Amino acid sequence: NSGCLTGIRAADTILKVGISRRAFRAYLRLCDDVTQDMWYGRLIRRLALSSAHRGWLDAVIELAREHPPTREGLFHCVSGHKPFKEIRRDISLRDVLPRLLRVSGRWLLKRAIETWR
């Protein structure tokens, strides 16, 4: 998604401003939203990978089933409809964290019971 956006903006800059130092500065300004969102994207990617390796992704998906803001956040992370910065702003950690801990505890307990059987 960001590759398409920056490519379109590069073409638009070349057509409207040309190829110059001034054009490059204009292009950077046009891509400001994408470049500012990159570290949020990297953080979310690392969290997703870490969660998947530790088996916590199941708990997040279970939380998304019962908590619409989390479900919408996951959808937007995958679809690219919203910048990561905006997704993070829409999801209140104060609201999600206790829910995630509860769901994770339930999930871990269920997993432990299955292992003991």
PDB file of N, CA and C in Angstrom:
ATOM      1  N   ASN A   1       0.817  -1.190   0.000  1.00  0.00           N
ATOM      2  CA  ASN A   1       0.000   0.000   0.000  1.00  0.00           C
ATOM      3  C   ASN A   1       0.869   1.266   0.000  1.00  0.00           C
ATOM      4  N   SER A   2       1.854   1.315   0.891  1.00  0.00           N
ATOM      5  CA  SER A   2       2.709   2.514   0.948  1.00  0.00           C
ATOM      6  C   SER A   2       3.546   2.630  -0.319  1.00  0.00           C
ATOM      7  N   GLY A   3       3.938   1.496  -0.906  1.00  0.00           N
ATOM      8  CA  GLY A   3       4.687   1.526  -2.164  1.00  0.00           C
ATOM      9  C   GLY A   3       3.862   2.132  -3.295  1.00  0.00           C
ATOM     10  N   CYS A   4       2.596   1.781  -3.351  1.00  0.00           N
ATOM     11  CA  CYS A   4       1.704   2.353  -4.372  1.00  0.00           C
ATOM     12  C   CYS A   4       1.531   3.853  -4.146  1.00  0.00           C
ATOM     13  N   LEU A   5       1.288   4.220  -2.893  1.00  0.00           N
ATOM     14  CA  LEU A   5       1.097   5.643  -2.579  1.00  0.00           C
ATOM     15  C   LEU A   5       2.319   6.482  -2.933  1.00  0.00           C
ATOM     16  N   THR A   6       3.497   6.008  -2.535  1.00  0.00           N
ATOM     17  CA  THR A   6       4.708   6.798  -2.802  1.00  0.00           C
ATOM     18  C   THR A   6       5.020   6.831  -4.293  1.00  0.00           C
ATOM     19  N   GLY A   7       4.735   5.751  -5.017  1.00  0.00           N
ATOM     20  CA  GLY A   7       4.953   5.733  -6.462  1.00  0.00           C
ATOM     21  C   GLY A   7       4.047   6.721  -7.181  1.00  0.00           C
ATOM     22  N   ILE A   8       2.789   6.736  -6.803  1.00  0.00           N
ATOM     23  CA  ILE A   8       1.832   7.674  -7.403  1.00  0.00           C
ATOM     24  C   ILE A   8       2.230   9.106  -7.091  1.00  0.00           C
ATOM     25  N   ARG A   9       2.651   9.343  -5.864  1.00  0.00           N
ATOM     26  CA  ARG A   9       3.058  10.704  -5.476  1.00  0.00           C
ATOM     27  C   ARG A   9       4.339  11.123  -6.178  1.00  0.00           C
ATOM     28  N   ALA A  10       5.239  10.183  -6.409  1.00  0.00           N
ATOM     29  CA  ALA A  10       6.468  10.506  -7.155  1.00  0.00           C
ATOM     30  C   ALA A  10       6.125  10.918  -8.578  1.00  0.00           C
ATOM     31  N   ALA A  11       5.255  10.154  -9.223  1.00  0.00           N
ATOM     32  CA  ALA A  11       4.845  10.492 -10.597  1.00  0.00           C
ATOM     33  C   ALA A  11       4.143  11.842 -10.626  1.00  0.00           C
ATOM     34  N   ASP A  12       3.279  12.090  -9.675  1.00  0.00           N
ATOM     35  CA  ASP A  12       2.563  13.364  -9.602  1.00  0.00           C
ATOM     36  C   ASP A  12       3.534  14.525  -9.421  1.00  0.00           C
ATOM     37  N   THR A  13       4.532  14.343  -8.565  1.00  0.00           N
ATOM     38  CA  THR A  13       5.535  15.389  -8.331  1.00  0.00           C
ATOM     39  C   THR A  13       6.334  15.664  -9.605  1.00  0.00           C
ATOM     40  N   ILE A  14       6.752  14.607 -10.282  1.00  0.00           N
ATOM     41  CA  ILE A  14       7.531  14.784 -11.517  1.00  0.00           C
ATOM     42  C   ILE A  14       6.714  15.522 -12.559  1.00  0.00           C
ATOM     43  N   LEU A  15       5.438  15.181 -12.691  1.00  0.00           N
ATOM     44  CA  LEU A  15       4.594  15.839 -13.689  1.00  0.00           C
ATOM     45  C   LEU A  15       4.310  17.300 -13.342  1.00  0.00           C
ATOM     46  N   LYS A  16       4.117  17.586 -12.068  1.00  0.00           N
ATOM     47  CA  LYS A  16       3.746  18.948 -11.670  1.00  0.00           C
ATOM     48  C   LYS A  16       4.945  19.848 -11.387  1.00  0.00           C
ATOM     49  N   VAL A  17       6.018  19.296 -10.792  1.00  0.00           N
ATOM     50  CA  VAL A  17       7.143  20.122 -10.349  1.00  0.00           C
ATOM     51  C   VAL A  17       8.404  19.857 -11.169  1.00  0.00           C
ATOM     52  N   GLY A  18       8.522  18.639 -11.705  1.00  0.00           N
ATOM     53  CA  GLY A  18       9.709  18.298 -12.477  1.00  0.00           C
ATOM     54  C   GLY A  18      10.669  17.461 -11.647  1.00  0.00           C
ATOM     55  N   ILE A  19      11.925  17.433 -12.108  1.00  0.00           N
ATOM     56  CA  ILE A  19      12.961  16.680 -11.400  1.00  0.00           C
ATOM     57  C   ILE A  19      14.022  17.679 -10.946  1.00  0.00           C
ATOM     58  N   SER A  20      14.034  17.944  -9.662  1.00  0.00           N
ATOM     59  CA  SER A  20      14.970  18.915  -9.097  1.00  0.00           C
ATOM     60  C   SER A  20      15.011  18.744  -7.587  1.00  0.00           C
ATOM     61  N   ARG A  21      15.879  19.499  -6.968  1.00  0.00           N
ATOM     62  CA  ARG A  21      15.947  19.473  -5.507  1.00  0.00           C
ATOM     63  C   ARG A  21      14.622  19.956  -4.912  1.00  0.00           C
ATOM     64  N   ARG A  22      14.054  20.983  -5.508  1.00  0.00           N
ATOM     65  CA  ARG A  22      12.775  21.521  -5.048  1.00  0.00           C
ATOM     66  C   ARG A  22      11.663  20.472  -5.194  1.00  0.00           C
ATOM     67  N   ALA A  23      11.714  19.734  -6.299  1.00  0.00           N
ATOM     68  CA  ALA A  23      10.722  18.683  -6.534  1.00  0.00           C
ATOM     69  C   ALA A  23      10.858  17.579  -5.492  1.00  0.00           C
ATOM     70  N   PHE A  24      12.102  17.228  -5.174  1.00  0.00           N
ATOM     71  CA  PHE A  24      12.323  16.185  -4.175  1.00  0.00           C
ATOM     72  C   PHE A  24      11.784  16.613  -2.813  1.00  0.00           C
ATOM     73  N   ARG A  25      11.989  17.873  -2.454  1.00  0.00           N
ATOM     74  CA  ARG A  25      11.445  18.375  -1.179  1.00  0.00           C
ATOM     75  C   ARG A  25       9.915  18.334  -1.188  1.00  0.00           C
ATOM     76  N   ALA A  26       9.326  18.693  -2.323  1.00  0.00           N
ATOM     77  CA  ALA A  26       7.861  18.635  -2.441  1.00  0.00           C
ATOM     78  C   ALA A  26       7.369  17.202  -2.298  1.00  0.00           C
ATOM     79  N   TYR A  27       8.106  16.268  -2.895  1.00  0.00           N
ATOM     80  CA  TYR A  27       7.755  14.848  -2.802  1.00  0.00           C
ATOM     81  C   TYR A  27       7.839  14.370  -1.351  1.00  0.00           C
ATOM     82  N   LEU A  28       8.891  14.756  -0.636  1.00  0.00           N
ATOM     83  CA  LEU A  28       9.019  14.367   0.770  1.00  0.00           C
ATOM     84  C   LEU A  28       7.854  14.886   1.604  1.00  0.00           C
ATOM     85  N   ARG A  29       7.436  16.118   1.328  1.00  0.00           N
ATOM     86  CA  ARG A  29       6.284  16.674   2.053  1.00  0.00           C
ATOM     87  C   ARG A  29       5.013  15.882   1.744  1.00  0.00           C
ATOM     88  N   LEU A  30       4.854  15.485   0.468  1.00  0.00           N
ATOM     89  CA  LEU A  30       3.675  14.708   0.082  1.00  0.00           C
ATOM     90  C   LEU A  30       3.648  13.338   0.773  1.00  0.00           C
ATOM     91  N   CYS A  31       4.813  12.789   1.039  1.00  0.00           N
ATOM     92  CA  CYS A  31       4.916  11.445   1.635  1.00  0.00           C
ATOM     93  C   CYS A  31       5.076  11.481   3.144  1.00  0.00           C
ATOM     94  N   ASP A  32       4.906  12.626   3.738  1.00  0.00           N
ATOM     95  CA  ASP A  32       5.106  12.784   5.173  1.00  0.00           C
ATOM     96  C   ASP A  32       4.236  11.820   5.981  1.00  0.00           C
ATOM     97  N   ASP A  33       2.990  11.635   5.568  1.00  0.00           N
ATOM     98  CA  ASP A  33       2.106  10.732   6.309  1.00  0.00           C
ATOM     99  C   ASP A  33       2.612   9.290   6.265  1.00  0.00           C
ATOM    100  N   VAL A  34       3.185   8.886   5.141  1.00  0.00           N
ATOM    101  CA  VAL A  34       3.698   7.518   5.010  1.00  0.00           C
ATOM    102  C   VAL A  34       4.967   7.344   5.839  1.00  0.00           C
ATOM    103  N   THR A  35       5.883   8.286   5.749  1.00  0.00           N
ATOM    104  CA  THR A  35       7.150   8.139   6.479  1.00  0.00           C
ATOM    105  C   THR A  35       6.951   8.238   7.986  1.00  0.00           C
ATOM    106  N   GLN A  36       6.003   9.031   8.433  1.00  0.00           N
ATOM    107  CA  GLN A  36       5.742   9.126   9.871  1.00  0.00           C
ATOM    108  C   GLN A  36       5.077   7.872  10.416  1.00  0.00           C
ATOM    109  N   ASP A  37       4.405   7.126   9.550  1.00  0.00           N
ATOM    110  CA  ASP A  37       3.688   5.931   9.977  1.00  0.00           C
ATOM    111  C   ASP A  37       4.581   4.694   9.975  1.00  0.00           C
ATOM    112  N   MET A  38       5.771   4.780   9.405  1.00  0.00           N
ATOM    113  CA  MET A  38       6.621   3.602   9.238  1.00  0.00           C
ATOM    114  C   MET A  38       7.001   2.942  10.555  1.00  0.00           C
ATOM    115  N   TRP A  39       7.357   3.721  11.570  1.00  0.00           N
ATOM    116  CA  TRP A  39       7.797   3.081  12.813  1.00  0.00           C
ATOM    117  C   TRP A  39       6.634   2.413  13.531  1.00  0.00           C
ATOM    118  N   TYR A  40       5.409   2.950  13.378  1.00  0.00           N
ATOM    119  CA  TYR A  40       4.238   2.277  13.945  1.00  0.00           C
ATOM    120  C   TYR A  40       4.041   0.934  13.250  1.00  0.00           C
ATOM    121  N   GLY A  41       4.204   0.922  11.933  1.00  0.00           N
ATOM    122  CA  GLY A  41       4.081  -0.314  11.167  1.00  0.00           C
ATOM    123  C   GLY A  41       5.115  -1.342  11.574  1.00  0.00           C
ATOM    124  N   ARG A  42       6.344  -0.906  11.758  1.00  0.00           N
ATOM    125  CA  ARG A  42       7.405  -1.828  12.198  1.00  0.00           C
ATOM    126  C   ARG A  42       7.100  -2.392  13.579  1.00  0.00           C
ATOM    127  N   LEU A  43       6.624  -1.544  14.475  1.00  0.00           N
ATOM    128  CA  LEU A  43       6.280  -1.989  15.822  1.00  0.00           C
ATOM    129  C   LEU A  43       5.163  -3.030  15.781  1.00  0.00           C
ATOM    130  N   ILE A  44       4.120  -2.758  15.014  1.00  0.00           N
ATOM    131  CA  ILE A  44       3.000  -3.687  14.925  1.00  0.00           C
ATOM    132  C   ILE A  44       3.443  -5.000  14.292  1.00  0.00           C
ATOM    133  N   ARG A  45       4.302  -4.928  13.292  1.00  0.00           N
ATOM    134  CA  ARG A  45       4.814  -6.145  12.652  1.00  0.00           C
ATOM    135  C   ARG A  45       5.611  -6.982  13.661  1.00  0.00           C
ATOM    136  N   ARG A  46       6.464  -6.330  14.437  1.00  0.00           N
ATOM    137  CA  ARG A  46       7.240  -7.061  15.455  1.00  0.00           C
ATOM    138  C   ARG A  46       6.341  -7.685  16.516  1.00  0.00           C
ATOM    139  N   LEU A  47       5.329  -6.936  16.941  1.00  0.00           N
ATOM    140  CA  LEU A  47       4.387  -7.479  17.930  1.00  0.00           C
ATOM    141  C   LEU A  47       3.645  -8.688  17.364  1.00  0.00           C
ATOM    142  N   ALA A  48       3.234  -8.597  16.106  1.00  0.00           N
ATOM    143  CA  ALA A  48       2.515  -9.710  15.480  1.00  0.00           C
ATOM    144  C   ALA A  48       3.407 -10.941  15.358  1.00  0.00           C
ATOM    145  N   LEU A  49       4.651 -10.743  14.928  1.00  0.00           N
ATOM    146  CA  LEU A  49       5.576 -11.872  14.804  1.00  0.00           C
ATOM    147  C   LEU A  49       5.870 -12.499  16.167  1.00  0.00           C
ATOM    148  N   SER A  50       6.114 -11.648  17.147  1.00  0.00           N
ATOM    149  CA  SER A  50       6.390 -12.139  18.499  1.00  0.00           C
ATOM    150  C   SER A  50       5.193 -12.900  19.055  1.00  0.00           C
ATOM    151  N   SER A  51       4.006 -12.361  18.849  1.00  0.00           N
ATOM    152  CA  SER A  51       2.785 -13.023  19.323  1.00  0.00           C
ATOM    153  C   SER A  51       2.580 -14.365  18.640  1.00  0.00           C
ATOM    154  N   ALA A  52       2.848 -14.416  17.352  1.00  0.00           N
ATOM    155  CA  ALA A  52       2.667 -15.665  16.609  1.00  0.00           C
ATOM    156  C   ALA A  52       3.654 -16.729  17.091  1.00  0.00           C
ATOM    157  N   HIS A  53       4.901 -16.341  17.321  1.00  0.00           N
ATOM    158  CA  HIS A  53       5.909 -17.306  17.770  1.00  0.00           C
ATOM    159  C   HIS A  53       5.637 -17.828  19.179  1.00  0.00           C
ATOM    160  N   ARG A  54       5.008 -17.017  20.001  1.00  0.00           N
ATOM    161  CA  ARG A  54       4.735 -17.424  21.380  1.00  0.00           C
ATOM    162  C   ARG A  54       3.347 -18.033  21.554  1.00  0.00           C
ATOM    163  N   GLY A  55       2.576 -18.036  20.466  1.00  0.00           N
ATOM    164  CA  GLY A  55       1.235 -18.605  20.538  1.00  0.00           C
ATOM    165  C   GLY A  55       0.191 -17.669  21.108  1.00  0.00           C
ATOM    166  N   TRP A  56       0.510 -16.385  21.220  1.00  0.00           N
ATOM    167  CA  TRP A  56      -0.426 -15.419  21.797  1.00  0.00           C
ATOM    168  C   TRP A  56      -1.411 -14.868  20.774  1.00  0.00           C
ATOM    169  N   LEU A  57      -1.165 -15.095  19.512  1.00  0.00           N
ATOM    170  CA  LEU A  57      -2.036 -14.548  18.477  1.00  0.00           C
ATOM    171  C   LEU A  57      -3.458 -15.099  18.611  1.00  0.00           C
ATOM    172  N   ASP A  58      -3.573 -16.340  19.071  1.00  0.00           N
ATOM    173  CA  ASP A  58      -4.898 -16.928  19.290  1.00  0.00           C
ATOM    174  C   ASP A  58      -5.688 -16.115  20.312  1.00  0.00           C
ATOM    175  N   ALA A  59      -5.018 -15.658  21.359  1.00  0.00           N
ATOM    176  CA  ALA A  59      -5.692 -14.853  22.389  1.00  0.00           C
ATOM    177  C   ALA A  59      -6.144 -13.514  21.817  1.00  0.00           C
ATOM    178  N   VAL A  60      -5.332 -12.922  20.951  1.00  0.00           N
ATOM    179  CA  VAL A  60      -5.705 -11.637  20.333  1.00  0.00           C
ATOM    180  C   VAL A  60      -6.912 -11.840  19.424  1.00  0.00           C
ATOM    181  N   ILE A  61      -6.922 -12.938  18.668  1.00  0.00           N
ATOM    182  CA  ILE A  61      -8.055 -13.220  17.780  1.00  0.00           C
ATOM    183  C   ILE A  61      -9.313 -13.489  18.601  1.00  0.00           C
ATOM    184  N   GLU A  62      -9.163 -14.184  19.717  1.00  0.00           N
ATOM    185  CA  GLU A  62     -10.312 -14.417  20.610  1.00  0.00           C
ATOM    186  C   GLU A  62     -10.833 -13.093  21.163  1.00  0.00           C
ATOM    187  N   LEU A  63      -9.921 -12.201  21.530  1.00  0.00           N
ATOM    188  CA  LEU A  63     -10.333 -10.874  22.010  1.00  0.00           C
ATOM    189  C   LEU A  63     -11.078 -10.121  20.919  1.00  0.00           C
ATOM    190  N   ALA A  64     -10.605 -10.220  19.679  1.00  0.00           N
ATOM    191  CA  ALA A  64     -11.248  -9.523  18.564  1.00  0.00           C
ATOM    192  C   ALA A  64     -12.677 -10.015  18.338  1.00  0.00           C
ATOM    193  N   ARG A  65     -12.934 -11.271  18.654  1.00  0.00           N
ATOM    194  CA  ARG A  65     -14.295 -11.805  18.496  1.00  0.00           C
ATOM    195  C   ARG A  65     -15.298 -11.096  19.403  1.00  0.00           C
ATOM    196  N   GLU A  66     -14.842 -10.718  20.598  1.00  0.00           N
ATOM    197  CA  GLU A  66     -15.774 -10.124  21.562  1.00  0.00           C
ATOM    198  C   GLU A  66     -15.601  -8.611  21.730  1.00  0.00           C
ATOM    199  N   HIS A  67     -14.598  -8.025  21.108  1.00  0.00           N
ATOM    200  CA  HIS A  67     -14.311  -6.601  21.303  1.00  0.00           C
ATOM    201  C   HIS A  67     -14.186  -5.903  19.941  1.00  0.00           C
ATOM    202  N   PRO A  68     -15.268  -5.222  19.492  1.00  0.00           N
ATOM    203  CA  PRO A  68     -15.273  -4.604  18.159  1.00  0.00           C
ATOM    204  C   PRO A  68     -14.095  -3.667  17.861  1.00  0.00           C
ATOM    205  N   PRO A  69     -13.635  -2.811  18.800  1.00  0.00           N
ATOM    206  CA  PRO A  69     -12.488  -1.951  18.464  1.00  0.00           C
ATOM    207  C   PRO A  69     -11.220  -2.746  18.113  1.00  0.00           C
ATOM    208  N   THR A  70     -11.000  -3.853  18.806  1.00  0.00           N
ATOM    209  CA  THR A  70      -9.839  -4.689  18.491  1.00  0.00           C
ATOM    210  C   THR A  70     -10.025  -5.341  17.126  1.00  0.00           C
ATOM    211  N   ARG A  71     -11.240  -5.824  16.861  1.00  0.00           N
ATOM    212  CA  ARG A  71     -11.536  -6.442  15.567  1.00  0.00           C
ATOM    213  C   ARG A  71     -11.310  -5.447  14.431  1.00  0.00           C
ATOM    214  N   GLU A  72     -11.802  -4.220  14.605  1.00  0.00           N
ATOM    215  CA  GLU A  72     -11.617  -3.192  13.580  1.00  0.00           C
ATOM    216  C   GLU A  72     -10.142  -2.844  13.418  1.00  0.00           C
ATOM    217  N   GLY A  73      -9.412  -2.784  14.530  1.00  0.00           N
ATOM    218  CA  GLY A  73      -7.986  -2.491  14.460  1.00  0.00           C
ATOM    219  C   GLY A  73      -7.227  -3.551  13.681  1.00  0.00           C
ATOM    220  N   LEU A  74      -7.543  -4.825  13.943  1.00  0.00           N
ATOM    221  CA  LEU A  74      -6.891  -5.910  13.200  1.00  0.00           C
ATOM    222  C   LEU A  74      -7.239  -5.830  11.719  1.00  0.00           C
ATOM    223  N   PHE A  75      -8.495  -5.540  11.423  1.00  0.00           N
ATOM    224  CA  PHE A  75      -8.909  -5.410  10.020  1.00  0.00           C
ATOM    225  C   PHE A  75      -8.111  -4.319   9.313  1.00  0.00           C
ATOM    226  N   HIS A  76      -8.000  -3.173   9.957  1.00  0.00           N
ATOM    227  CA  HIS A  76      -7.284  -2.052   9.337  1.00  0.00           C
ATOM    228  C   HIS A  76      -5.782  -2.313   9.218  1.00  0.00           C
ATOM    229  N   CYS A  77      -5.223  -3.064  10.158  1.00  0.00           N
ATOM    230  CA  CYS A  77      -3.802  -3.434  10.057  1.00  0.00           C
ATOM    231  C   CYS A  77      -3.540  -4.263   8.811  1.00  0.00           C
ATOM    232  N   VAL A  78      -4.456  -5.169   8.527  1.00  0.00           N
ATOM    233  CA  VAL A  78      -4.283  -6.064   7.391  1.00  0.00           C
ATOM    234  C   VAL A  78      -4.694  -5.390   6.081  1.00  0.00           C
ATOM    235  N   SER A  79      -5.766  -4.630   6.110  1.00  0.00           N
ATOM    236  CA  SER A  79      -6.308  -4.056   4.872  1.00  0.00           C
ATOM    237  C   SER A  79      -5.547  -2.825   4.392  1.00  0.00           C
ATOM    238  N   GLY A  80      -4.933  -2.102   5.318  1.00  0.00           N
ATOM    239  CA  GLY A  80      -4.244  -0.873   4.934  1.00  0.00           C
ATOM    240  C   GLY A  80      -5.175   0.307   4.736  1.00  0.00           C
ATOM    241  N   HIS A  81      -6.426   0.184   5.210  1.00  0.00           N
ATOM    242  CA  HIS A  81      -7.382   1.279   5.046  1.00  0.00           C
ATOM    243  C   HIS A  81      -7.073   2.488   5.926  1.00  0.00           C
ATOM    244  N   LYS A  82      -6.354   2.252   7.013  1.00  0.00           N
ATOM    245  CA  LYS A  82      -5.988   3.347   7.919  1.00  0.00           C
ATOM    246  C   LYS A  82      -4.507   3.261   8.221  1.00  0.00           C
ATOM    247  N   PRO A  83      -3.877   4.402   8.470  1.00  0.00           N
ATOM    248  CA  PRO A  83      -2.472   4.373   8.902  1.00  0.00           C
ATOM    249  C   PRO A  83      -2.359   3.738  10.293  1.00  0.00           C
ATOM    250  N   PHE A  84      -1.220   3.100  10.547  1.00  0.00           N
ATOM    251  CA  PHE A  84      -0.999   2.442  11.835  1.00  0.00           C
ATOM    252  C   PHE A  84      -1.108   3.432  12.994  1.00  0.00           C
ATOM    253  N   LYS A  85      -0.645   4.629  12.776  1.00  0.00           N
ATOM    254  CA  LYS A  85      -0.704   5.651  13.822  1.00  0.00           C
ATOM    255  C   LYS A  85      -2.157   5.920  14.227  1.00  0.00           C
ATOM    256  N   GLU A  86      -3.036   5.967  13.241  1.00  0.00           N
ATOM    257  CA  GLU A  86      -4.454   6.213  13.506  1.00  0.00           C
ATOM    258  C   GLU A  86      -5.098   4.997  14.191  1.00  0.00           C
ATOM    259  N   ILE A  87      -4.707   3.796  13.771  1.00  0.00           N
ATOM    260  CA  ILE A  87      -5.234   2.578  14.395  1.00  0.00           C
ATOM    261  C   ILE A  87      -4.865   2.561  15.870  1.00  0.00           C
ATOM    262  N   ARG A  88      -3.612   2.870  16.155  1.00  0.00           N
ATOM    263  CA  ARG A  88      -3.124   2.901  17.543  1.00  0.00           C
ATOM    264  C   ARG A  88      -3.899   3.938  18.367  1.00  0.00           C
ATOM    265  N   ARG A  89      -4.198   5.063  17.750  1.00  0.00           N
ATOM    266  CA  ARG A  89      -4.937   6.113  18.439  1.00  0.00           C
ATOM    267  C   ARG A  89      -6.377   5.681  18.721  1.00  0.00           C
ATOM    268  N   ASP A  90      -6.967   4.899  17.805  1.00  0.00           N
ATOM    269  CA  ASP A  90      -8.358   4.465  17.961  1.00  0.00           C
ATOM    270  C   ASP A  90      -8.533   3.400  19.034  1.00  0.00           C
ATOM    271  N   ILE A  91      -7.481   2.622  19.293  1.00  0.00           N
ATOM    272  CA  ILE A  91      -7.586   1.550  20.274  1.00  0.00           C
ATOM    273  C   ILE A  91      -7.021   2.039  21.607  1.00  0.00           C
ATOM    274  N   SER A  92      -7.876   2.084  22.592  1.00  0.00           N
ATOM    275  CA  SER A  92      -7.465   2.534  23.921  1.00  0.00           C
ATOM    276  C   SER A  92      -6.788   1.395  24.662  1.00  0.00           C
ATOM    277  N   LEU A  93      -5.512   1.580  24.998  1.00  0.00           N
ATOM    278  CA  LEU A  93      -4.793   0.543  25.745  1.00  0.00           C
ATOM    279  C   LEU A  93      -5.421   0.306  27.106  1.00  0.00           C
ATOM    280  N   ARG A  94      -5.973   1.362  27.693  1.00  0.00           N
ATOM    281  CA  ARG A  94      -6.620   1.230  29.000  1.00  0.00           C
ATOM    282  C   ARG A  94      -7.818   0.289  28.918  1.00  0.00           C
ATOM    283  N   ASP A  95      -8.461   0.271  27.748  1.00  0.00           N
ATOM    284  CA  ASP A  95      -9.611  -0.590  27.537  1.00  0.00           C
ATOM    285  C   ASP A  95      -9.187  -1.999  27.095  1.00  0.00           C
ATOM    286  N   VAL A  96      -8.201  -2.071  26.196  1.00  0.00           N
ATOM    287  CA  VAL A  96      -7.814  -3.343  25.586  1.00  0.00           C
ATOM    288  C   VAL A  96      -6.934  -4.186  26.503  1.00  0.00           C
ATOM    289  N   LEU A  97      -6.001  -3.573  27.211  1.00  0.00           N
ATOM    290  CA  LEU A  97      -5.039  -4.340  28.003  1.00  0.00           C
ATOM    291  C   LEU A  97      -5.690  -5.254  29.046  1.00  0.00           C
ATOM    292  N   PRO A  98      -6.614  -4.755  29.876  1.00  0.00           N
ATOM    293  CA  PRO A  98      -7.256  -5.665  30.836  1.00  0.00           C
ATOM    294  C   PRO A  98      -8.021  -6.799  30.143  1.00  0.00           C
ATOM    295  N   ARG A  99      -8.677  -6.470  29.032  1.00  0.00           N
ATOM    296  CA  ARG A  99      -9.410  -7.498  28.281  1.00  0.00           C
ATOM    297  C   ARG A  99      -8.440  -8.543  27.730  1.00  0.00           C
ATOM    298  N   LEU A 100      -7.317  -8.062  27.184  1.00  0.00           N
ATOM    299  CA  LEU A 100      -6.328  -8.970  26.610  1.00  0.00           C
ATOM    300  C   LEU A 100      -5.731  -9.871  27.686  1.00  0.00           C
ATOM    301  N   LEU A 101      -5.476  -9.317  28.853  1.00  0.00           N
ATOM    302  CA  LEU A 101      -4.950 -10.121  29.961  1.00  0.00           C
ATOM    303  C   LEU A 101      -5.961 -11.192  30.392  1.00  0.00           C
ATOM    304  N   ARG A 102      -7.232 -10.813  30.454  1.00  0.00           N
ATOM    305  CA  ARG A 102      -8.278 -11.766  30.832  1.00  0.00           C
ATOM    306  C   ARG A 102      -8.383 -12.879  29.795  1.00  0.00           C
ATOM    307  N   VAL A 103      -8.437 -12.488  28.511  1.00  0.00           N
ATOM    308  CA  VAL A 103      -8.542 -13.481  27.437  1.00  0.00           C
ATOM    309  C   VAL A 103      -7.293 -14.352  27.387  1.00  0.00           C
ATOM    310  N   SER A 104      -6.121 -13.753  27.581  1.00  0.00           N
ATOM    311  CA  SER A 104      -4.867 -14.516  27.577  1.00  0.00           C
ATOM    312  C   SER A 104      -4.841 -15.507  28.718  1.00  0.00           C
ATOM    313  N   GLY A 105      -5.294 -15.087  29.894  1.00  0.00           N
ATOM    314  CA  GLY A 105      -5.345 -15.987  31.043  1.00  0.00           C
ATOM    315  C   GLY A 105      -6.265 -17.159  30.773  1.00  0.00           C
ATOM    316  N   ARG A 106      -7.429 -16.882  30.217  1.00  0.00           N
ATOM    317  CA  ARG A 106      -8.373 -17.942  29.867  1.00  0.00           C
ATOM    318  C   ARG A 106      -7.756 -18.891  28.844  1.00  0.00           C
ATOM    319  N   TRP A 107      -7.103 -18.307  27.843  1.00  0.00           N
ATOM    320  CA  TRP A 107      -6.488 -19.090  26.771  1.00  0.00           C
ATOM    321  C   TRP A 107      -5.359 -19.966  27.315  1.00  0.00           C
ATOM    322  N   LEU A 108      -4.515 -19.390  28.187  1.00  0.00           N
ATOM    323  CA  LEU A 108      -3.421 -20.162  28.781  1.00  0.00           C
ATOM    324  C   LEU A 108      -3.947 -21.292  29.665  1.00  0.00           C
ATOM    325  N   LEU A 109      -4.997 -21.012  30.426  1.00  0.00           N
ATOM    326  CA  LEU A 109      -5.592 -22.029  31.282  1.00  0.00           C
ATOM    327  C   LEU A 109      -6.145 -23.180  30.444  1.00  0.00           C
ATOM    328  N   LYS A 110      -6.848 -22.844  29.373  1.00  0.00           N
ATOM    329  CA  LYS A 110      -7.405 -23.870  28.483  1.00  0.00           C
ATOM    330  C   LYS A 110      -6.288 -24.712  27.870  1.00  0.00           C
ATOM    331  N   ARG A 111      -5.223 -24.055  27.474  1.00  0.00           N
ATOM    332  CA  ARG A 111      -4.075 -24.754  26.883  1.00  0.00           C
ATOM    333  C   ARG A 111      -3.399 -25.671  27.917  1.00  0.00           C
ATOM    334  N   ALA A 112      -3.278 -25.190  29.153  1.00  0.00           N
ATOM    335  CA  ALA A 112      -2.664 -25.984  30.217  1.00  0.00           C
ATOM    336  C   ALA A 112      -3.512 -27.224  30.516  1.00  0.00           C
ATOM    337  N   ILE A 113      -4.829 -27.050  30.549  1.00  0.00           N
ATOM    338  CA  ILE A 113      -5.733 -28.180  30.815  1.00  0.00           C
ATOM    339  C   ILE A 113      -5.608 -29.223  29.705  1.00  0.00           C
ATOM    340  N   GLU A 114      -5.555 -28.757  28.450  1.00  0.00           N
ATOM    341  CA  GLU A 114      -5.403 -29.679  27.320  1.00  0.00           C
ATOM    342  C   GLU A 114      -4.077 -30.448  27.390  1.00  0.00           C
ATOM    343  N   THR A 115      -3.028 -29.794  27.865  1.00  0.00           N
ATOM    344  CA  THR A 115      -1.717 -30.426  27.968  1.00  0.00           C
ATOM    345  C   THR A 115      -1.713 -31.496  29.062  1.00  0.00           C
ATOM    346  N   TRP A 116      -2.411 -31.237  30.167  1.00  0.00           N
ATOM    347  CA  TRP A 116      -2.427 -32.166  31.298  1.00  0.00           C
ATOM    348  C   TRP A 116      -3.245 -33.418  31.002  1.00  0.00           C
ATOM    349  N   ARG A 117      -4.148 -33.341  30.071  1.00  0.00           N
ATOM    350  CA  ARG A 117      -5.019 -34.495  29.773  1.00  0.00           C
ATOM    351  C   ARG A 117      -4.280 -35.581  29.091  1.00  0.00           C
TER     352      ARG A 117
END
